């Protein structure tokens, strides 16, 4: 009987340690990545002329109006992690499509075992909303580097491109771990 009670107490202790370990891991992640990130660069796999100036470029900062408003917010608490992104989307209903609107999306997220790759959850309504999470997103040295697939309307028709974007963490952003 004494051994059974001791075994039960040990099991309860191990379970409570596991929960504390998870909370501590979230706290480590919070201090590492929680914050707001501003767009630093965005380049496409193929040059495109989106601003209708007759010059096709890979540099999306020069091609897309208001792209500098794009940002990412990563929020990490003791109970959840989320990814929020503001990104300009093109109105592709007609050409020339000089109308861009800012689309805000959010998704649950997690990290790989090394806390370097952001694993952004795909949602069932992604096809309906027209937004798809990045294919890749990595964190290193207060920067997030993402690869996103987008279909853009150009003079020559719809073009599918991969956008390689880098975001830099705002150093003045601070939040409390909860």
Protein backbone atom coordinates (compact mmCIF):
# COMPACT_ATOMS: atom_id res chain seq x y z
CA UNK A 1 0.00 0.00 0.00
CA UNK A 2 2.83 2.34 0.89
CA UNK A 3 4.51 1.66 -2.49
CA UNK A 4 1.23 2.39 -4.33
CA UNK A 5 0.83 5.73 -2.55
CA UNK A 6 4.45 6.64 -3.26
CA UNK A 7 4.01 5.68 -6.93
CA UNK A 8 0.86 7.80 -7.18
CA UNK A 9 2.59 10.83 -5.63
CA UNK A 10 5.52 10.42 -8.00
CA UNK A 11 3.14 10.31 -11.01
CA UNK A 12 1.36 13.49 -9.89
CA UNK A 13 4.72 15.21 -9.40
CA UNK A 14 5.88 14.20 -12.90
CA UNK A 15 2.67 15.45 -14.53
CA UNK A 16 2.89 18.80 -12.75
CA UNK A 17 6.56 19.15 -13.77
CA UNK A 18 5.63 18.50 -17.42
CA UNK A 19 3.04 21.31 -17.33
CA UNK A 20 5.56 23.69 -15.73
CA UNK A 21 8.13 22.69 -18.37
CA UNK A 22 5.64 23.62 -21.15
CA UNK A 23 4.88 26.96 -19.53
CA UNK A 24 8.59 27.66 -19.14
CA UNK A 25 9.13 26.76 -22.81
CA UNK A 26 6.44 29.27 -23.86
CA UNK A 27 8.12 31.88 -21.68
CA UNK A 28 11.45 31.26 -23.42
CA UNK A 29 9.73 31.55 -26.82
CA UNK A 30 7.91 34.71 -25.68
CA UNK A 31 11.16 36.46 -24.76
CA UNK A 32 12.76 35.31 -27.99
CA UNK A 33 10.12 36.12 -30.61
CA UNK A 34 7.00 37.86 -29.19
CA UNK A 35 6.71 41.23 -30.94
CA UNK A 36 5.86 43.29 -33.98
CA UNK A 37 7.95 42.93 -37.13
CA UNK A 38 8.11 45.46 -39.98
CA UNK A 39 8.77 44.60 -43.61
CA UNK A 40 12.40 45.12 -44.55
CA UNK A 41 12.53 43.53 -48.02
CA UNK A 42 10.33 41.54 -50.42
CA UNK A 43 11.59 39.99 -53.65
CA UNK A 44 9.75 37.81 -56.17
CA UNK A 45 11.06 34.74 -57.97
CA UNK A 46 10.14 36.36 -61.34
CA UNK A 47 10.22 40.05 -62.24
CA UNK A 48 6.72 41.56 -62.57
CA UNK A 49 5.35 45.01 -63.43
CA UNK A 50 2.62 45.64 -60.88
CA UNK A 51 2.71 49.44 -60.71
CA UNK A 52 2.15 49.76 -64.49
CA UNK A 53 5.31 51.81 -65.16
CA UNK A 54 6.51 49.49 -67.93
CA UNK A 55 9.43 48.13 -65.89
CA UNK A 56 9.25 44.62 -64.43
CA UNK A 57 11.17 44.24 -61.16
CA UNK A 58 11.72 41.60 -58.49
CA UNK A 59 11.68 44.24 -55.72
CA UNK A 60 8.11 44.36 -54.41
CA UNK A 61 8.81 47.46 -52.30
CA UNK A 62 9.23 49.33 -55.59
CA UNK A 63 6.28 47.60 -57.30
CA UNK A 64 3.47 47.47 -54.73
CA UNK A 65 2.01 50.68 -53.29
CA UNK A 66 1.81 50.73 -49.48
CA UNK A 67 3.67 47.44 -49.06
CA UNK A 68 5.77 49.11 -46.37
CA UNK A 69 2.64 48.99 -44.17
CA UNK A 70 2.98 45.21 -44.12
CA UNK A 71 3.79 43.82 -40.72
CA UNK A 72 3.66 40.70 -38.60
CA UNK A 73 2.74 40.36 -34.97
CA UNK A 74 3.72 37.26 -33.02
CA UNK A 75 1.96 36.81 -29.68
CA UNK A 76 3.10 34.13 -27.23
CA UNK A 77 1.40 33.54 -23.87
CA UNK A 78 1.36 30.68 -21.42
CA UNK A 79 -1.67 29.18 -23.18
CA UNK A 80 -1.43 30.08 -26.89
CA UNK A 81 0.67 31.40 -29.77
CA UNK A 82 -0.67 33.31 -32.75
CA UNK A 83 0.57 34.81 -35.99
CA UNK A 84 -1.05 38.01 -37.29
CA UNK A 85 -0.12 39.47 -40.67
CA UNK A 86 -1.07 42.61 -42.57
CA UNK A 87 -0.25 42.29 -46.28
CA UNK A 88 -1.37 44.15 -49.44
CA UNK A 89 -3.50 42.07 -51.78
CA UNK A 90 -4.23 42.93 -55.38
CA UNK A 91 -7.78 43.32 -56.70
CA UNK A 92 -7.49 40.98 -59.69
CA UNK A 93 -11.02 41.40 -61.10
CA UNK A 94 -9.85 43.59 -63.97
CA UNK A 95 -6.69 44.92 -65.60
CA UNK A 96 -5.04 47.30 -65.03
CA UNK A 97 -5.27 46.42 -61.38
CA UNK A 98 -3.79 49.36 -59.54
CA UNK A 99 -6.08 48.82 -56.58
CA UNK A 100 -4.43 47.17 -53.58
CA UNK A 101 -6.12 46.58 -50.27
CA UNK A 102 -4.61 45.64 -46.96
CA UNK A 103 -5.63 42.21 -45.80
CA UNK A 104 -5.27 41.24 -42.16
CA UNK A 105 -5.16 37.57 -41.28
CA UNK A 106 -4.32 35.56 -38.21
CA UNK A 107 -3.65 31.93 -37.44
CA UNK A 108 -2.56 29.74 -34.59
CA UNK A 109 1.08 28.85 -34.71
CA UNK A 110 3.79 26.81 -33.09
CA UNK A 111 7.51 26.21 -33.52
CA UNK A 112 9.72 23.35 -34.55
CA UNK A 113 11.78 21.62 -31.88
CA UNK A 114 14.63 24.15 -32.28
CA UNK A 115 12.32 27.20 -32.00
CA UNK A 116 13.54 28.55 -35.35
CA UNK A 117 10.80 27.59 -37.81
CA UNK A 118 7.32 29.06 -37.38
CA UNK A 119 4.65 26.43 -38.04
CA UNK A 120 1.60 28.43 -39.09
CA UNK A 121 -1.69 26.55 -39.02
CA UNK A 122 -3.65 26.28 -42.23
CA UNK A 123 -7.33 27.08 -41.74
CA UNK A 124 -10.24 25.43 -43.47
CA UNK A 125 -11.46 28.75 -44.87
CA UNK A 126 -8.14 29.72 -46.50
CA UNK A 127 -9.55 28.99 -49.97
CA UNK A 128 -12.60 31.15 -49.21
CA UNK A 129 -10.65 34.07 -47.76
CA UNK A 130 -8.03 33.89 -50.51
CA UNK A 131 -5.14 33.98 -48.08
CA UNK A 132 -2.71 31.17 -47.64
CA UNK A 133 -0.11 30.99 -44.90
CA UNK A 134 3.56 31.18 -45.89
CA UNK A 135 5.11 27.97 -47.16
CA UNK A 136 8.14 28.69 -44.98
CA UNK A 137 8.74 31.04 -42.08
CA UNK A 138 11.96 31.14 -40.06
CA UNK A 139 13.09 33.23 -37.13
CA UNK A 140 16.71 34.25 -36.58
CA UNK A 141 18.37 37.24 -34.90
CA UNK A 142 15.19 39.32 -34.48
CA UNK A 143 14.19 38.74 -38.12
CA UNK A 144 11.49 36.63 -39.73
CA UNK A 145 12.10 35.38 -43.24
CA UNK A 146 9.09 34.01 -45.13
CA UNK A 147 8.36 32.50 -48.51
CA UNK A 148 4.82 33.03 -49.77
CA UNK A 149 3.15 31.90 -52.98
CA UNK A 150 0.97 34.54 -54.64
CA UNK A 151 -0.84 34.86 -57.96
CA UNK A 152 -0.56 38.39 -59.39
CA UNK A 153 -2.29 40.08 -62.32
CA UNK A 154 0.08 41.63 -64.89
CA UNK A 155 -0.34 42.95 -68.46
CA UNK A 156 0.51 39.50 -69.74
CA UNK A 157 -1.99 37.73 -67.46
CA UNK A 158 -1.89 35.96 -64.11
CA UNK A 159 1.60 35.13 -62.83
CA UNK A 160 2.37 32.84 -59.94
CA UNK A 161 5.39 33.97 -57.96
CA UNK A 162 7.18 33.11 -54.75
CA UNK A 163 7.77 36.17 -52.57
CA UNK A 164 10.77 36.02 -50.26
CA UNK A 165 10.11 38.61 -47.54
CA UNK A 166 12.17 39.63 -44.52
CA UNK A 167 10.69 41.34 -41.47
CA UNK A 168 12.68 43.03 -38.68
CA UNK A 169 11.53 43.16 -35.06
CA UNK A 170 10.67 46.57 -33.63
CA UNK A 171 13.16 46.90 -30.74
CA UNK A 172 10.93 49.23 -28.73
CA UNK A 173 8.05 46.71 -28.59
CA UNK A 174 7.70 45.09 -25.18
CA UNK A 175 4.91 42.92 -23.83
CA UNK A 176 4.42 41.06 -20.59
CA UNK A 177 4.33 37.31 -20.48
CA UNK A 178 0.94 36.08 -19.28
